[in-house]
């Protein structure tokens, strides 16, 4: 009688394992269906296009450069704030760097 008793729990475990495998397969199929639905969805239209983002970043970078020049020249260099934007100031700076007259 003992051998039949030991077989019953094994049969239950096998049945439980089959159920678990069936549930896992079902979940996999559901995930595959969800992925397929996502692929079929319409592409996202951006409100703020990438090319416009690049332009905005370039403009903001240029403004940060100008503000940095004005602050640096006027605060650190004790010059007039708008003098840094003049072409003669940059010629003078380049002459100093290159050793020209």
Foldseek 3Di string as FASTA:
>chain_A
DVVVVVVVVVVVVVVVVVVVVVVVVVVVVVVVVVVVVVVPDDDDDDPQDPVNVVVVVVVVVVVVVLVVQLCCCCPVVVDHSCVSVDPVVVVVVVCVVVVHD
